[in-house]
């Protein structure tokens, strides 16, 4: 069995642990109390995506295209959270900056879904390492707890996506 494939289960465990930490350890309040506030909405979405991926992976027959769709929607949705927060804060400079991320990560998500699953993992990791890390301490419209939590979730999710690449190669997609 491929090393990446053997790391899939630990990657799922890491993702679940990181999402739980973002909810319990980083968010100052329960995301359920503020579901329409961008950082809390994103925390709830991360839980939903994680549950979806766990359920899809536990099916008797792999649904790789559906798994990839969930991952692509996760990647495409991440910059929308920052754009939404900048819009609510009426931060014109922030809106211009965040507007760059939407087509950038959206294109990675689309191409990753259609042709190259490696771009999903790379795009999710890039969002965390570049986008989230930059926002920590630099954003008036996004709290630092969220930028850190998103970075951690993105790294864990990106690693999980990479562990699933051997299955995509075997399936020929």
N, C-alpha and C. Protein backbone atom coordinates (compact mmCIF):
# COMPACT_ATOMS: atom_id res chain seq x y z
N UNK A 1 0.85 -1.19 0.00
CA UNK A 1 0.00 0.00 0.00
C UNK A 1 0.89 1.25 0.00
N UNK A 2 0.51 2.23 -0.74
CA UNK A 2 1.23 3.49 -0.86
C UNK A 2 1.30 4.20 0.50
N UNK A 3 2.43 4.85 0.76
CA UNK A 3 2.60 5.58 2.03
C UNK A 3 1.52 6.63 2.23
N UNK A 4 1.21 7.38 1.18
CA UNK A 4 0.16 8.40 1.31
C UNK A 4 -1.16 7.78 1.70
N UNK A 5 -1.52 6.68 1.07
CA UNK A 5 -2.78 6.01 1.37
C UNK A 5 -2.80 5.52 2.82
N UNK A 6 -1.66 5.06 3.33
CA UNK A 6 -1.60 4.60 4.72
C UNK A 6 -1.78 5.75 5.71
N UNK A 7 -1.51 6.96 5.26
CA UNK A 7 -1.64 8.13 6.14
C UNK A 7 -3.04 8.74 6.12
N UNK A 8 -3.94 8.16 5.33
CA UNK A 8 -5.28 8.73 5.22
C UNK A 8 -6.02 8.72 6.57
N UNK A 9 -6.00 7.61 7.27
CA UNK A 9 -6.71 7.54 8.55
C UNK A 9 -6.14 8.54 9.57
N UNK A 10 -4.80 8.60 9.75
CA UNK A 10 -4.26 9.63 10.65
C UNK A 10 -4.60 11.05 10.19
N UNK A 11 -4.67 11.26 8.87
CA UNK A 11 -5.04 12.59 8.37
C UNK A 11 -6.48 12.93 8.73
N UNK A 12 -7.38 11.95 8.67
CA UNK A 12 -8.76 12.19 9.10
C UNK A 12 -8.80 12.51 10.59
N UNK A 13 -8.05 11.78 11.38
CA UNK A 13 -8.02 12.02 12.83
C UNK A 13 -7.49 13.42 13.11
N UNK A 14 -6.42 13.81 12.41
CA UNK A 14 -5.86 15.15 12.58
C UNK A 14 -6.90 16.21 12.20
N UNK A 15 -7.58 16.02 11.08
CA UNK A 15 -8.59 17.00 10.66
C UNK A 15 -9.69 17.13 11.69
N UNK A 16 -10.19 16.03 12.19
CA UNK A 16 -11.25 16.07 13.21
C UNK A 16 -10.76 16.79 14.46
N UNK A 17 -9.53 16.49 14.88
CA UNK A 17 -8.97 17.14 16.07
C UNK A 17 -8.80 18.64 15.86
N UNK A 18 -8.33 19.03 14.70
CA UNK A 18 -8.09 20.45 14.42
C UNK A 18 -9.42 21.22 14.32
N UNK A 19 -10.41 20.62 13.69
CA UNK A 19 -11.72 21.28 13.60
C UNK A 19 -12.33 21.43 15.00
N UNK A 20 -12.20 20.40 15.82
CA UNK A 20 -12.69 20.49 17.20
C UNK A 20 -11.95 21.57 17.97
N UNK A 21 -10.64 21.66 17.78
CA UNK A 21 -9.85 22.69 18.46
C UNK A 21 -10.27 24.09 18.01
N UNK A 22 -10.50 24.26 16.71
CA UNK A 22 -10.94 25.57 16.20
C UNK A 22 -12.26 25.97 16.85
N UNK A 23 -13.17 25.02 17.00
CA UNK A 23 -14.48 25.29 17.59
C UNK A 23 -14.36 25.55 19.09
N UNK A 24 -13.69 24.64 19.79
CA UNK A 24 -13.67 24.67 21.26
C UNK A 24 -12.54 25.52 21.82
N UNK A 25 -11.38 25.45 21.20
CA UNK A 25 -10.21 26.12 21.76
C UNK A 25 -9.94 27.50 21.23
N UNK A 26 -10.37 27.81 20.02
CA UNK A 26 -10.05 29.10 19.42
C UNK A 26 -11.23 30.07 19.38
N UNK A 27 -12.37 29.59 18.95
CA UNK A 27 -13.54 30.47 18.84
C UNK A 27 -13.93 30.97 20.23
N UNK A 28 -14.05 32.28 20.40
CA UNK A 28 -14.38 32.80 21.73
C UNK A 28 -15.78 32.41 22.22
N UNK A 29 -16.67 32.13 21.28
CA UNK A 29 -18.02 31.68 21.62
C UNK A 29 -18.40 30.54 20.69
N UNK A 30 -19.46 29.85 21.04
CA UNK A 30 -19.92 28.77 20.19
C UNK A 30 -20.35 29.32 18.83
N UNK A 31 -19.90 28.71 17.75
CA UNK A 31 -20.35 29.13 16.43
C UNK A 31 -21.87 29.04 16.26
N UNK A 32 -22.52 28.22 17.05
CA UNK A 32 -23.97 28.11 16.97
C UNK A 32 -24.67 29.39 17.41
N UNK A 33 -23.99 30.20 18.21
CA UNK A 33 -24.58 31.46 18.67
C UNK A 33 -24.52 32.55 17.61
N UNK A 34 -23.62 32.40 16.62
CA UNK A 34 -23.42 33.44 15.60
C UNK A 34 -23.29 32.82 14.21
N UNK A 35 -24.26 32.04 13.77
CA UNK A 35 -24.08 31.30 12.52
C UNK A 35 -23.97 32.17 11.27
N UNK A 36 -24.38 33.43 11.35
CA UNK A 36 -24.31 34.30 10.17
C UNK A 36 -23.20 35.34 10.26
N UNK A 37 -22.25 35.11 11.16
CA UNK A 37 -21.05 35.94 11.24
C UNK A 37 -19.95 35.14 10.54
N UNK A 38 -19.26 35.75 9.56
CA UNK A 38 -18.37 34.97 8.70
C UNK A 38 -17.43 33.98 9.40
N UNK A 39 -16.65 34.36 10.42
CA UNK A 39 -15.74 33.35 10.99
C UNK A 39 -16.47 32.19 11.67
N UNK A 40 -17.60 32.47 12.27
CA UNK A 40 -18.37 31.40 12.92
C UNK A 40 -19.07 30.53 11.87
N UNK A 41 -19.58 31.16 10.81
CA UNK A 41 -20.17 30.41 9.71
C UNK A 41 -19.15 29.44 9.12
N UNK A 42 -17.92 29.94 8.91
CA UNK A 42 -16.87 29.10 8.34
C UNK A 42 -16.50 27.95 9.27
N UNK A 43 -16.54 28.19 10.56
CA UNK A 43 -16.25 27.12 11.52
C UNK A 43 -17.31 26.03 11.41
N UNK A 44 -18.56 26.44 11.32
CA UNK A 44 -19.65 25.46 11.13
C UNK A 44 -19.49 24.72 9.80
N UNK A 45 -19.10 25.45 8.76
CA UNK A 45 -18.91 24.83 7.45
C UNK A 45 -17.78 23.80 7.49
N UNK A 46 -16.71 24.11 8.22
CA UNK A 46 -15.59 23.16 8.34
C UNK A 46 -16.05 21.87 9.01
N UNK A 47 -16.91 22.00 10.02
CA UNK A 47 -17.47 20.81 10.67
C UNK A 47 -18.30 20.02 9.67
N UNK A 48 -19.15 20.70 8.93
CA UNK A 48 -20.01 20.03 7.95
C UNK A 48 -19.19 19.32 6.87
N UNK A 49 -18.18 19.99 6.36
CA UNK A 49 -17.33 19.38 5.32
C UNK A 49 -16.61 18.16 5.88
N UNK A 50 -16.11 18.27 7.09
CA UNK A 50 -15.41 17.14 7.72
C UNK A 50 -16.35 15.95 7.88
N UNK A 51 -17.55 16.21 8.36
CA UNK A 51 -18.54 15.13 8.52
C UNK A 51 -18.87 14.51 7.16
N UNK A 52 -19.06 15.35 6.15
CA UNK A 52 -19.36 14.83 4.81
C UNK A 52 -18.24 13.93 4.31
N UNK A 53 -17.01 14.36 4.48
CA UNK A 53 -15.88 13.57 3.99
C UNK A 53 -15.74 12.25 4.75
N UNK A 54 -15.97 12.29 6.06
CA UNK A 54 -15.92 11.05 6.85
C UNK A 54 -17.02 10.10 6.38
N UNK A 55 -18.23 10.62 6.20
CA UNK A 55 -19.34 9.76 5.75
C UNK A 55 -19.09 9.20 4.35
N UNK A 56 -18.61 10.05 3.45
CA UNK A 56 -18.34 9.57 2.09
C UNK A 56 -17.26 8.49 2.10
N UNK A 57 -16.25 8.70 2.91
CA UNK A 57 -15.14 7.72 2.95
C UNK A 57 -15.57 6.41 3.60
N UNK A 58 -16.60 6.45 4.42
CA UNK A 58 -17.04 5.23 5.10
C UNK A 58 -18.01 4.40 4.26
N UNK A 59 -18.40 4.90 3.11
CA UNK A 59 -19.28 4.14 2.23
C UNK A 59 -18.56 2.89 1.74
N UNK A 60 -19.31 1.82 1.48
CA UNK A 60 -18.67 0.59 1.01
C UNK A 60 -17.96 0.75 -0.34
N UNK A 61 -18.46 1.65 -1.18
CA UNK A 61 -17.86 1.92 -2.49
C UNK A 61 -17.45 3.38 -2.55
N UNK A 62 -16.19 3.66 -2.91
CA UNK A 62 -15.69 5.04 -2.98
C UNK A 62 -16.50 5.85 -3.98
N UNK A 63 -16.76 7.07 -3.62
CA UNK A 63 -17.40 8.06 -4.49
C UNK A 63 -16.39 9.20 -4.67
N UNK A 64 -15.32 8.92 -5.41
CA UNK A 64 -14.21 9.85 -5.53
C UNK A 64 -14.63 11.20 -6.11
N UNK A 65 -15.49 11.18 -7.12
CA UNK A 65 -15.91 12.46 -7.71
C UNK A 65 -16.70 13.29 -6.72
N UNK A 66 -17.50 12.65 -5.91
CA UNK A 66 -18.26 13.37 -4.89
C UNK A 66 -17.33 13.89 -3.79
N UNK A 67 -16.37 13.07 -3.37
CA UNK A 67 -15.38 13.52 -2.39
C UNK A 67 -14.63 14.73 -2.93
N UNK A 68 -14.23 14.64 -4.20
CA UNK A 68 -13.49 15.74 -4.83
C UNK A 68 -14.36 16.99 -4.95
N UNK A 69 -15.65 16.82 -5.21
CA UNK A 69 -16.55 17.96 -5.29
C UNK A 69 -16.63 18.67 -3.94
N UNK A 70 -16.76 17.92 -2.87
CA UNK A 70 -16.81 18.52 -1.53
C UNK A 70 -15.51 19.29 -1.26
N UNK A 71 -14.39 18.69 -1.61
CA UNK A 71 -13.10 19.36 -1.41
C UNK A 71 -12.98 20.62 -2.27
N UNK A 72 -13.46 20.55 -3.50
CA UNK A 72 -13.40 21.71 -4.40
C UNK A 72 -14.30 22.84 -3.89
N UNK A 73 -15.48 22.50 -3.40
CA UNK A 73 -16.37 23.53 -2.86
C UNK A 73 -15.76 24.16 -1.60
N UNK A 74 -15.09 23.35 -0.80
CA UNK A 74 -14.39 23.87 0.38
C UNK A 74 -13.33 24.90 -0.06
N UNK A 75 -12.52 24.53 -1.04
CA UNK A 75 -11.47 25.42 -1.53
C UNK A 75 -12.06 26.70 -2.13
N UNK A 76 -13.09 26.57 -2.94
CA UNK A 76 -13.69 27.74 -3.58
C UNK A 76 -14.40 28.63 -2.56
N UNK A 77 -14.91 28.04 -1.49
CA UNK A 77 -15.65 28.82 -0.50
C UNK A 77 -14.78 29.59 0.47
N UNK A 78 -13.55 29.15 0.68
CA UNK A 78 -12.70 29.80 1.69
C UNK A 78 -12.51 31.30 1.45
N UNK A 79 -12.17 31.74 0.23
CA UNK A 79 -11.98 33.18 0.06
C UNK A 79 -13.28 33.98 0.18
N UNK A 80 -14.41 33.31 -0.01
CA UNK A 80 -15.70 34.01 0.12
C UNK A 80 -15.94 34.45 1.57
N UNK A 81 -15.42 33.69 2.52
CA UNK A 81 -15.57 34.05 3.93
C UNK A 81 -14.86 35.37 4.21
N UNK A 82 -13.64 35.50 3.72
CA UNK A 82 -12.88 36.74 3.91
C UNK A 82 -13.54 37.91 3.17
N UNK A 83 -14.03 37.65 1.95
CA UNK A 83 -14.71 38.70 1.19
C UNK A 83 -15.96 39.16 1.93
N UNK A 84 -16.72 38.23 2.45
CA UNK A 84 -17.94 38.54 3.22
C UNK A 84 -17.59 39.38 4.44
N UNK A 85 -16.55 39.02 5.16
CA UNK A 85 -16.15 39.77 6.35
C UNK A 85 -15.72 41.19 5.99
N UNK A 86 -14.96 41.35 4.90
CA UNK A 86 -14.53 42.68 4.47
C UNK A 86 -15.74 43.52 4.05
N UNK A 87 -16.70 42.88 3.38
CA UNK A 87 -17.91 43.58 2.95
C UNK A 87 -18.71 44.06 4.16
N UNK A 88 -18.89 43.18 5.16
CA UNK A 88 -19.63 43.58 6.36
C UNK A 88 -18.94 44.72 7.10
N UNK A 89 -17.61 44.72 7.07
CA UNK A 89 -16.85 45.77 7.75
C UNK A 89 -16.74 47.03 6.91
N UNK A 90 -17.27 46.98 5.68
CA UNK A 90 -17.18 48.10 4.75
C UNK A 90 -15.74 48.56 4.56
N UNK A 91 -14.86 47.59 4.42
CA UNK A 91 -13.43 47.84 4.26
C UNK A 91 -13.10 47.75 2.76
N UNK A 92 -12.99 48.92 2.11
CA UNK A 92 -12.79 48.96 0.66
C UNK A 92 -11.47 48.30 0.25
N UNK A 93 -10.40 48.58 0.99
CA UNK A 93 -9.10 47.96 0.66
C UNK A 93 -9.18 46.45 0.87
N UNK A 94 -9.84 46.03 1.92
CA UNK A 94 -10.01 44.60 2.17
C UNK A 94 -10.83 43.93 1.09
N UNK A 95 -11.87 44.62 0.62
CA UNK A 95 -12.69 44.06 -0.47
C UNK A 95 -11.86 43.85 -1.73
N UNK A 96 -11.01 44.83 -2.05
CA UNK A 96 -10.16 44.69 -3.24
C UNK A 96 -9.20 43.51 -3.07
N UNK A 97 -8.61 43.40 -1.91
CA UNK A 97 -7.68 42.29 -1.65
C UNK A 97 -8.40 40.95 -1.73
N UNK A 98 -9.52 40.84 -1.05
CA UNK A 98 -10.24 39.57 -1.00
C UNK A 98 -10.83 39.20 -2.36
N UNK A 99 -11.13 40.20 -3.18
CA UNK A 99 -11.65 39.93 -4.52
C UNK A 99 -10.61 39.21 -5.38
N UNK A 100 -9.34 39.36 -5.06
CA UNK A 100 -8.28 38.64 -5.78
C UNK A 100 -8.36 37.15 -5.48
N UNK A 101 -8.64 36.81 -4.22
CA UNK A 101 -8.66 35.41 -3.81
C UNK A 101 -9.79 34.60 -4.41
N UNK A 102 -10.92 35.25 -4.69
CA UNK A 102 -12.09 34.50 -5.19
C UNK A 102 -11.80 33.82 -6.53
N UNK A 103 -11.35 34.55 -7.56
CA UNK A 103 -11.06 33.85 -8.82
C UNK A 103 -9.82 32.95 -8.73
N UNK A 104 -8.84 33.34 -7.92
CA UNK A 104 -7.63 32.54 -7.78
C UNK A 104 -7.94 31.16 -7.20
N UNK A 105 -8.57 31.13 -6.04
CA UNK A 105 -8.88 29.86 -5.41
C UNK A 105 -10.04 29.15 -6.11
N UNK A 106 -10.94 29.93 -6.71
CA UNK A 106 -12.01 29.33 -7.49
C UNK A 106 -11.48 28.57 -8.70
N UNK A 107 -10.49 29.15 -9.39
CA UNK A 107 -9.88 28.48 -10.54
C UNK A 107 -9.15 27.21 -10.10
N UNK A 108 -8.43 27.27 -8.99
CA UNK A 108 -7.75 26.07 -8.47
C UNK A 108 -8.77 24.99 -8.14
N UNK A 109 -9.89 25.40 -7.54
CA UNK A 109 -10.93 24.43 -7.18
C UNK A 109 -11.53 23.78 -8.43
N UNK A 110 -11.84 24.59 -9.42
CA UNK A 110 -12.45 24.05 -10.65
C UNK A 110 -11.48 23.12 -11.38
N UNK A 111 -10.25 23.57 -11.57
CA UNK A 111 -9.28 22.75 -12.28
C UNK A 111 -8.94 21.49 -11.48
N UNK A 112 -8.86 21.64 -10.16
CA UNK A 112 -8.59 20.48 -9.30
C UNK A 112 -9.72 19.46 -9.38
N UNK A 113 -10.94 19.94 -9.41
CA UNK A 113 -12.08 19.03 -9.50
C UNK A 113 -12.12 18.32 -10.85
N UNK A 114 -11.94 19.09 -11.92
CA UNK A 114 -12.09 18.55 -13.26
C UNK A 114 -10.91 17.70 -13.73
N UNK A 115 -9.69 18.10 -13.39
CA UNK A 115 -8.53 17.49 -14.02
C UNK A 115 -7.40 17.05 -13.09
N UNK A 116 -7.16 17.78 -12.01
CA UNK A 116 -5.93 17.53 -11.23
C UNK A 116 -6.21 17.63 -9.74
N UNK A 117 -6.61 16.53 -9.11
CA UNK A 117 -6.91 16.56 -7.68
C UNK A 117 -5.77 17.09 -6.82
N UNK A 118 -4.55 16.98 -7.32
CA UNK A 118 -3.41 17.50 -6.55
C UNK A 118 -3.56 19.01 -6.32
N UNK A 119 -4.22 19.71 -7.25
CA UNK A 119 -4.44 21.15 -7.09
C UNK A 119 -5.39 21.46 -5.95
N UNK A 120 -6.28 20.53 -5.63
CA UNK A 120 -7.17 20.75 -4.48
C UNK A 120 -6.36 20.77 -3.20
N UNK A 121 -5.51 19.76 -3.02
CA UNK A 121 -4.67 19.72 -1.83
C UNK A 121 -3.71 20.90 -1.78
N UNK A 122 -3.09 21.19 -2.91
CA UNK A 122 -2.16 22.32 -2.98
C UNK A 122 -2.85 23.65 -2.75
N UNK A 123 -4.02 23.82 -3.32
CA UNK A 123 -4.76 25.07 -3.15
C UNK A 123 -5.22 25.28 -1.73
N UNK A 124 -5.69 24.20 -1.09
CA UNK A 124 -6.13 24.31 0.30
C UNK A 124 -4.94 24.62 1.20
N UNK A 125 -3.83 23.93 0.98
CA UNK A 125 -2.62 24.23 1.76
C UNK A 125 -2.15 25.67 1.52
N UNK A 126 -2.15 26.10 0.27
CA UNK A 126 -1.72 27.46 -0.07
C UNK A 126 -2.61 28.50 0.60
N UNK A 127 -3.90 28.23 0.64
CA UNK A 127 -4.79 29.18 1.31
C UNK A 127 -4.39 29.33 2.77
N UNK A 128 -4.12 28.22 3.43
CA UNK A 128 -3.73 28.29 4.84
C UNK A 128 -2.39 28.95 5.04
N UNK A 129 -1.39 28.48 4.32
CA UNK A 129 -0.02 28.94 4.55
C UNK A 129 0.18 30.38 4.07
N UNK A 130 -0.48 30.76 3.00
CA UNK A 130 -0.30 32.11 2.47
C UNK A 130 -1.41 33.06 2.94
N UNK A 131 -2.64 32.74 2.60
CA UNK A 131 -3.75 33.66 2.84
C UNK A 131 -4.04 33.83 4.33
N UNK A 132 -4.28 32.72 5.01
CA UNK A 132 -4.63 32.80 6.44
C UNK A 132 -3.47 33.34 7.26
N UNK A 133 -2.26 32.88 6.98
CA UNK A 133 -1.10 33.34 7.75
C UNK A 133 -0.93 34.84 7.59
N UNK A 134 -1.12 35.37 6.38
CA UNK A 134 -0.98 36.81 6.17
C UNK A 134 -2.05 37.58 6.95
N UNK A 135 -3.28 37.08 6.97
CA UNK A 135 -4.36 37.79 7.64
C UNK A 135 -4.17 37.86 9.16
N UNK A 136 -3.47 36.89 9.72
CA UNK A 136 -3.25 36.89 11.18
C UNK A 136 -2.42 38.12 11.54
N UNK A 137 -3.03 39.02 12.30
CA UNK A 137 -2.36 40.24 12.71
C UNK A 137 -2.39 41.37 11.71
N UNK A 138 -2.99 41.16 10.53
CA UNK A 138 -3.02 42.19 9.49
C UNK A 138 -4.42 42.58 9.05
N UNK A 139 -5.43 41.98 9.61
CA UNK A 139 -6.78 42.20 9.12
C UNK A 139 -7.65 42.84 10.19
N UNK A 140 -8.25 43.98 9.83
CA UNK A 140 -9.16 44.65 10.76
C UNK A 140 -10.54 43.99 10.74
N UNK A 141 -10.84 43.23 9.71
CA UNK A 141 -12.18 42.66 9.56
C UNK A 141 -12.27 41.17 9.88
N UNK A 142 -11.13 40.51 10.11
CA UNK A 142 -11.15 39.08 10.43
C UNK A 142 -10.34 38.86 11.71
N UNK A 143 -10.96 38.28 12.72
CA UNK A 143 -10.24 38.10 13.99
C UNK A 143 -9.08 37.10 13.86
N UNK A 144 -8.05 37.33 14.66
CA UNK A 144 -6.87 36.47 14.62
C UNK A 144 -7.20 35.02 14.95
N UNK A 145 -8.15 34.79 15.85
CA UNK A 145 -8.49 33.41 16.20
C UNK A 145 -8.95 32.64 14.96
N UNK A 146 -9.69 33.35 14.10
CA UNK A 146 -10.18 32.68 12.90
C UNK A 146 -9.05 32.40 11.92
N UNK A 147 -8.19 33.38 11.70
CA UNK A 147 -7.08 33.19 10.76
C UNK A 147 -6.22 32.00 11.19
N UNK A 148 -5.95 31.88 12.49
CA UNK A 148 -5.17 30.75 12.99
C UNK A 148 -5.95 29.44 12.82
N UNK A 149 -7.22 29.45 13.18
CA UNK A 149 -8.03 28.24 13.04
C UNK A 149 -8.14 27.81 11.60
N UNK A 150 -8.33 28.75 10.70
CA UNK A 150 -8.45 28.43 9.28
C UNK A 150 -7.13 27.87 8.76
N UNK A 151 -6.03 28.46 9.19
CA UNK A 151 -4.72 27.94 8.78
C UNK A 151 -4.57 26.49 9.20
N UNK A 152 -4.90 26.18 10.45
CA UNK A 152 -4.77 24.81 10.95
C UNK A 152 -5.69 23.84 10.21
N UNK A 153 -6.93 24.26 10.00
CA UNK A 153 -7.88 23.40 9.28
C UNK A 153 -7.41 23.21 7.84
N UNK A 154 -6.94 24.26 7.20
CA UNK A 154 -6.48 24.14 5.81
C UNK A 154 -5.29 23.19 5.69
N UNK A 155 -4.36 23.28 6.62
CA UNK A 155 -3.21 22.37 6.57
C UNK A 155 -3.67 20.93 6.75
N UNK A 156 -4.54 20.69 7.72
CA UNK A 156 -5.04 19.33 7.95
C UNK A 156 -5.86 18.84 6.77
N UNK A 157 -6.72 19.68 6.21
CA UNK A 157 -7.53 19.29 5.06
C UNK A 157 -6.65 19.06 3.84
N UNK A 158 -5.69 19.93 3.61
CA UNK A 158 -4.79 19.75 2.47
C UNK A 158 -4.02 18.44 2.57
N UNK A 159 -3.55 18.11 3.77
CA UNK A 159 -2.84 16.84 3.96
C UNK A 159 -3.77 15.66 3.68
N UNK A 160 -5.00 15.75 4.15
CA UNK A 160 -5.96 14.68 3.88
C UNK A 160 -6.16 14.50 2.37
N UNK A 161 -6.32 15.59 1.66
CA UNK A 161 -6.52 15.51 0.21
C UNK A 161 -5.32 14.82 -0.45
N UNK A 162 -4.12 15.16 -0.01
CA UNK A 162 -2.93 14.53 -0.58
C UNK A 162 -2.90 13.03 -0.30
N UNK A 163 -3.39 12.60 0.86
CA UNK A 163 -3.39 11.16 1.16
C UNK A 163 -4.34 10.39 0.25
N UNK A 164 -5.28 11.09 -0.35
CA UNK A 164 -6.27 10.43 -1.21
C UNK A 164 -5.86 10.40 -2.68
N UNK A 165 -4.75 11.02 -3.01
CA UNK A 165 -4.30 11.06 -4.41
C UNK A 165 -4.07 9.67 -5.01
N UNK A 166 -3.50 8.70 -4.26
CA UNK A 166 -3.34 7.37 -4.86
C UNK A 166 -4.66 6.75 -5.32
N UNK A 167 -5.73 6.99 -4.60
CA UNK A 167 -7.03 6.45 -5.01
C UNK A 167 -7.48 7.09 -6.33
N UNK A 168 -7.23 8.37 -6.49
CA UNK A 168 -7.59 9.05 -7.74
C UNK A 168 -6.76 8.51 -8.91
N UNK A 169 -5.47 8.27 -8.64
CA UNK A 169 -4.61 7.72 -9.70
C UNK A 169 -5.07 6.33 -10.12
N UNK A 170 -5.42 5.49 -9.13
CA UNK A 170 -5.90 4.14 -9.44
C UNK A 170 -7.19 4.19 -10.24
N UNK A 171 -8.05 5.17 -9.91
CA UNK A 171 -9.34 5.28 -10.61
C UNK A 171 -9.18 5.93 -11.99
N UNK A 172 -8.00 6.50 -12.22
CA UNK A 172 -7.75 7.12 -13.52
C UNK A 172 -8.38 8.48 -13.69
N UNK A 173 -8.67 9.14 -12.53
CA UNK A 173 -9.23 10.50 -12.68
C UNK A 173 -8.50 11.49 -11.83
